[in-house]
Every structure is written in structure tokens, then in C-alpha cells.
Amino acid sequence: MKKLLTHKEEAIMQILWRLEKAFIKDIRKEMGKEAPPYNTVSSTVRKLVKEGIIGFEDFGSTHRYFPILKKEAYRKSYFRQFLENYFGGSPEKVLSYFVNEEKVNPKELDELLNKIIEKDKSQHNDI
């Protein structure tokens, strides 16, 4: 993934990831009372289609859209950029932030440490 999605694009993708397939009217319905006008949503969706992030199926003069970009792939790309921009690329700084600012409790830290240890063991067993 070359770039992060804009706020509007990400809102549409969240809906498509959840619904899996949707018409513009379905996307707007999911956006609720604050939904932008039909043409605004439609032009954003068309831009995402052009970028290869969304695909579509023809139904006469209308289209049903579906995500091509997987949520997991976007999350990985987003988090890498977030980690680099806000924590200098350091996972240690992220954990430190959560310990100091978000007050993660020791039990949660123990569970995380156990996951790290298990992952490390499984990677060494694969060698």
C-alpha cells in the first residue's frame, strides 16, 4: 500500500470491510445522519476504484462495490507508518507509551510478554 487513506476513504472502507459488498445507498445508510451527499460518496468510491482499492459488479446502470484491499493489509501499512511517525519506528517506545500514559495493567503486560515469548519460540522451531 503506497499511501494511507483519507478520513473519508477510510470511513467508506470500514463500511465495505464490514458489509463485504454494498451499493452507494448502502454505504450512505451506514454513515448515518452525517452522511455526505450521494455524489460525494460516489466520487470517493470511484476514486478508490481507480486506485484499485475497491472493485465493483455491474447491475445495469448501478454498481455494487466490494473491497479489494484487505483490512489486515491496510492495518499493517497504517501501523507501520504510525509507528514511524509517532514513535520513531520503535516498538519499545509504543509499549512504554501504553505503560506510562494508558496505564496498562501488569496482567495485560504479562499476557503480552507470554505471546512474544511463544512467538519467538515458534520462530526458532521453524529454523
C-alpha atoms as a PDB file:
ATOM      1  CA  MET A   1       0.000   0.000   0.000  1.00  0.00           C
ATOM      2  CA  LYS A   2       1.556   3.242  -1.152  1.00  0.00           C
ATOM      3  CA  LYS A   3      -0.458   5.787   0.817  1.00  0.00           C
ATOM      4  CA  LEU A   4      -2.757   5.993   3.761  1.00  0.00           C
ATOM      5  CA  LEU A   5      -6.435   6.547   3.121  1.00  0.00           C
ATOM      6  CA  THR A   6      -8.045   9.898   3.816  1.00  0.00           C
ATOM      7  CA  HIS A   7     -10.612  10.097   6.599  1.00  0.00           C
ATOM      8  CA  LYS A   8     -13.490   9.883   4.057  1.00  0.00           C
ATOM      9  CA  GLU A   9     -11.881   6.979   2.209  1.00  0.00           C
ATOM     10  CA  GLU A  10     -11.229   5.077   5.414  1.00  0.00           C
ATOM     11  CA  ALA A  11     -14.832   5.574   6.573  1.00  0.00           C
ATOM     12  CA  ILE A  12     -16.043   4.033   3.303  1.00  0.00           C
ATOM     13  CA  MET A  13     -13.550   1.179   3.550  1.00  0.00           C
ATOM     14  CA  GLN A  14     -14.589   0.399   7.131  1.00  0.00           C
ATOM     15  CA  ILE A  15     -18.148   0.026   5.895  1.00  0.00           C
ATOM     16  CA  LEU A  16     -17.136  -2.142   2.936  1.00  0.00           C
ATOM     17  CA  TRP A  17     -14.935  -4.335   5.117  1.00  0.00           C
ATOM     18  CA  ARG A  18     -17.897  -4.849   7.428  1.00  0.00           C
ATOM     19  CA  LEU A  19     -20.590  -5.340   4.766  1.00  0.00           C
ATOM     20  CA  GLU A  20     -18.315  -7.028   2.192  1.00  0.00           C
ATOM     21  CA  LYS A  21     -20.480  -5.732  -0.706  1.00  0.00           C
ATOM     22  CA  ALA A  22     -22.580  -2.589  -0.914  1.00  0.00           C
ATOM     23  CA  PHE A  23     -24.244  -0.090  -3.224  1.00  0.00           C
ATOM     24  CA  ILE A  24     -23.639   3.648  -2.670  1.00  0.00           C
ATOM     25  CA  LYS A  25     -27.041   3.920  -0.964  1.00  0.00           C
ATOM     26  CA  ASP A  26     -26.000   1.162   1.484  1.00  0.00           C
ATOM     27  CA  ILE A  27     -22.736   2.948   2.263  1.00  0.00           C
ATOM     28  CA  ARG A  28     -24.577   6.221   2.910  1.00  0.00           C
ATOM     29  CA  LYS A  29     -27.127   4.434   5.097  1.00  0.00           C
ATOM     30  CA  GLU A  30     -24.303   3.016   7.231  1.00  0.00           C
ATOM     31  CA  MET A  31     -22.824   6.511   7.574  1.00  0.00           C
ATOM     32  CA  GLY A  32     -25.975   7.635   9.321  1.00  0.00           C
ATOM     33  CA  LYS A  33     -27.389  11.153   9.546  1.00  0.00           C
ATOM     34  CA  GLU A  34     -23.973  12.729   8.927  1.00  0.00           C
ATOM     35  CA  ALA A  35     -23.573  11.000   5.544  1.00  0.00           C
ATOM     36  CA  PRO A  36     -22.195  13.241   2.803  1.00  0.00           C
ATOM     37  CA  PRO A  37     -24.333  13.755  -0.320  1.00  0.00           C
ATOM     38  CA  TYR A  38     -24.716  10.806  -2.688  1.00  0.00           C
ATOM     39  CA  ASN A  39     -22.430  12.396  -5.318  1.00  0.00           C
ATOM     40  CA  THR A  40     -19.649  12.965  -2.775  1.00  0.00           C
ATOM     41  CA  VAL A  41     -19.694   9.334  -1.637  1.00  0.00           C
ATOM     42  CA  SER A  42     -19.931   8.173  -5.246  1.00  0.00           C
ATOM     43  CA  SER A  43     -16.925  10.225  -6.366  1.00  0.00           C
ATOM     44  CA  THR A  44     -14.837   8.991  -3.425  1.00  0.00           C
ATOM     45  CA  VAL A  45     -15.782   5.398  -4.238  1.00  0.00           C
ATOM     46  CA  ARG A  46     -14.913   5.908  -7.920  1.00  0.00           C
ATOM     47  CA  LYS A  47     -11.507   7.283  -6.881  1.00  0.00           C
ATOM     48  CA  LEU A  48     -10.908   4.160  -4.768  1.00  0.00           C
ATOM     49  CA  VAL A  49     -11.934   2.004  -7.738  1.00  0.00           C
ATOM     50  CA  LYS A  50      -9.458   3.851  -9.967  1.00  0.00           C
ATOM     51  CA  GLU A  51      -6.707   3.245  -7.396  1.00  0.00           C
ATOM     52  CA  GLY A  52      -7.519  -0.495  -7.304  1.00  0.00           C
ATOM     53  CA  ILE A  53      -8.620  -0.427  -3.667  1.00  0.00           C
ATOM     54  CA  ILE A  54     -12.283  -1.208  -4.411  1.00  0.00           C
ATOM     55  CA  GLY A  55     -13.798  -3.377  -7.118  1.00  0.00           C
ATOM     56  CA  PHE A  56     -17.354  -3.457  -8.426  1.00  0.00           C
ATOM     57  CA  GLU A  57     -20.000  -5.595 -10.078  1.00  0.00           C
ATOM     58  CA  ASP A  58     -22.312  -4.138 -12.730  1.00  0.00           C
ATOM     59  CA  PHE A  59     -26.051  -4.221 -12.206  1.00  0.00           C
ATOM     60  CA  GLY A  60     -27.339  -2.342 -15.216  1.00  0.00           C
ATOM     61  CA  SER A  61     -26.770   1.331 -14.568  1.00  0.00           C
ATOM     62  CA  THR A  62     -25.656   0.823 -10.967  1.00  0.00           C
ATOM     63  CA  HIS A  63     -22.699  -0.854  -9.295  1.00  0.00           C
ATOM     64  CA  ARG A  64     -22.204  -2.924  -6.176  1.00  0.00           C
ATOM     65  CA  TYR A  65     -18.811  -2.298  -4.616  1.00  0.00           C
ATOM     66  CA  PHE A  66     -16.501  -4.586  -2.663  1.00  0.00           C
ATOM     67  CA  PRO A  67     -13.088  -4.133  -1.059  1.00  0.00           C
ATOM     68  CA  ILE A  68     -10.016  -5.384  -2.892  1.00  0.00           C
ATOM     69  CA  LEU A  69      -7.647  -4.049  -0.248  1.00  0.00           C
ATOM     70  CA  LYS A  70      -7.832  -6.376   2.761  1.00  0.00           C
ATOM     71  CA  LYS A  71      -8.315  -4.789   6.163  1.00  0.00           C
ATOM     72  CA  GLU A  72      -5.343  -6.689   7.594  1.00  0.00           C
ATOM     73  CA  ALA A  73      -3.021  -5.391   4.853  1.00  0.00           C
ATOM     74  CA  TYR A  74      -4.165  -1.811   5.436  1.00  0.00           C
ATOM     75  CA  ARG A  75      -3.822  -2.168   9.213  1.00  0.00           C
ATOM     76  CA  LYS A  76      -0.231  -3.383   8.770  1.00  0.00           C
ATOM     77  CA  SER A  77       0.654  -0.480   6.457  1.00  0.00           C
ATOM     78  CA  TYR A  78      -1.159   2.064   8.663  1.00  0.00           C
ATOM     79  CA  PHE A  79       0.506   0.841  11.822  1.00  0.00           C
ATOM     80  CA  ARG A  80       3.985   0.820  10.253  1.00  0.00           C
ATOM     81  CA  GLN A  81       3.559   4.459   9.252  1.00  0.00           C
ATOM     82  CA  PHE A  82       2.024   5.351  12.629  1.00  0.00           C
ATOM     83  CA  LEU A  83       4.903   3.630  14.436  1.00  0.00           C
ATOM     84  CA  GLU A  84       7.450   5.505  12.331  1.00  0.00           C
ATOM     85  CA  ASN A  85       5.717   8.914  12.572  1.00  0.00           C
ATOM     86  CA  TYR A  86       4.928   8.908  16.298  1.00  0.00           C
ATOM     87  CA  PHE A  87       7.404   6.515  17.904  1.00  0.00           C
ATOM     88  CA  GLY A  88      10.481   6.683  15.661  1.00  0.00           C
ATOM     89  CA  GLY A  89       9.803   3.136  14.499  1.00  0.00           C
ATOM     90  CA  SER A  90      10.409   1.754  17.998  1.00  0.00           C
ATOM     91  CA  PRO A  91       8.024  -0.920  19.348  1.00  0.00           C
ATOM     92  CA  GLU A  92       9.643  -0.362  22.747  1.00  0.00           C
ATOM     93  CA  LYS A  93       8.505   3.287  22.713  1.00  0.00           C
ATOM     94  CA  VAL A  94       4.952   2.162  21.875  1.00  0.00           C
ATOM     95  CA  LEU A  95       4.881  -0.244  24.806  1.00  0.00           C
ATOM     96  CA  SER A  96       6.387   2.397  27.059  1.00  0.00           C
ATOM     97  CA  TYR A  97       3.668   4.809  25.981  1.00  0.00           C
ATOM     98  CA  PHE A  98       0.945   2.327  26.895  1.00  0.00           C
ATOM     99  CA  VAL A  99       2.552   1.559  30.254  1.00  0.00           C
ATOM    100  CA  ASN A 100       3.095   5.213  31.181  1.00  0.00           C
ATOM    101  CA  GLU A 101       0.193   7.030  29.524  1.00  0.00           C
ATOM    102  CA  GLU A 102      -2.590   4.474  29.108  1.00  0.00           C
ATOM    103  CA  LYS A 103      -1.859   2.700  32.380  1.00  0.00           C
ATOM    104  CA  VAL A 104      -1.843  -0.866  31.013  1.00  0.00           C
ATOM    105  CA  ASN A 105      -2.086  -3.209  33.979  1.00  0.00           C
ATOM    106  CA  PRO A 106       0.614  -5.779  34.860  1.00  0.00           C
ATOM    107  CA  LYS A 107      -1.625  -8.752  33.991  1.00  0.00           C
ATOM    108  CA  GLU A 108      -2.073  -7.425  30.440  1.00  0.00           C
ATOM    109  CA  LEU A 109       1.682  -6.885  30.162  1.00  0.00           C
ATOM    110  CA  ASP A 110       2.326 -10.460  31.361  1.00  0.00           C
ATOM    111  CA  GLU A 111      -0.084 -11.778  28.715  1.00  0.00           C
ATOM    112  CA  LEU A 112       1.655  -9.730  26.034  1.00  0.00           C
ATOM    113  CA  LEU A 113       5.090 -10.886  27.170  1.00  0.00           C
ATOM    114  CA  ASN A 114       3.914 -14.511  27.060  1.00  0.00           C
ATOM    115  CA  LYS A 115       2.684 -14.005  23.472  1.00  0.00           C
ATOM    116  CA  ILE A 116       6.054 -12.528  22.494  1.00  0.00           C
ATOM    117  CA  ILE A 117       7.915 -15.434  24.104  1.00  0.00           C
ATOM    118  CA  GLU A 118       5.670 -18.013  22.396  1.00  0.00           C
ATOM    119  CA  LYS A 119       6.093 -16.338  19.016  1.00  0.00           C
ATOM    120  CA  ASP A 120       9.850 -16.223  19.481  1.00  0.00           C
ATOM    121  CA  LYS A 121       9.909 -19.946  20.403  1.00  0.00           C
ATOM    122  CA  SER A 122       7.820 -20.908  17.364  1.00  0.00           C
ATOM    123  CA  GLN A 123      10.077 -18.884  15.049  1.00  0.00           C
ATOM    124  CA  HIS A 124      13.158 -20.625  16.415  1.00  0.00           C
ATOM    125  CA  ASN A 125      11.495 -24.031  15.989  1.00  0.00           C
ATOM    126  CA  ASP A 126      10.862 -23.251  12.316  1.00  0.00           C
ATOM    127  CA  ILE A 127      14.583 -22.891  11.636  1.00  0.00           C
END
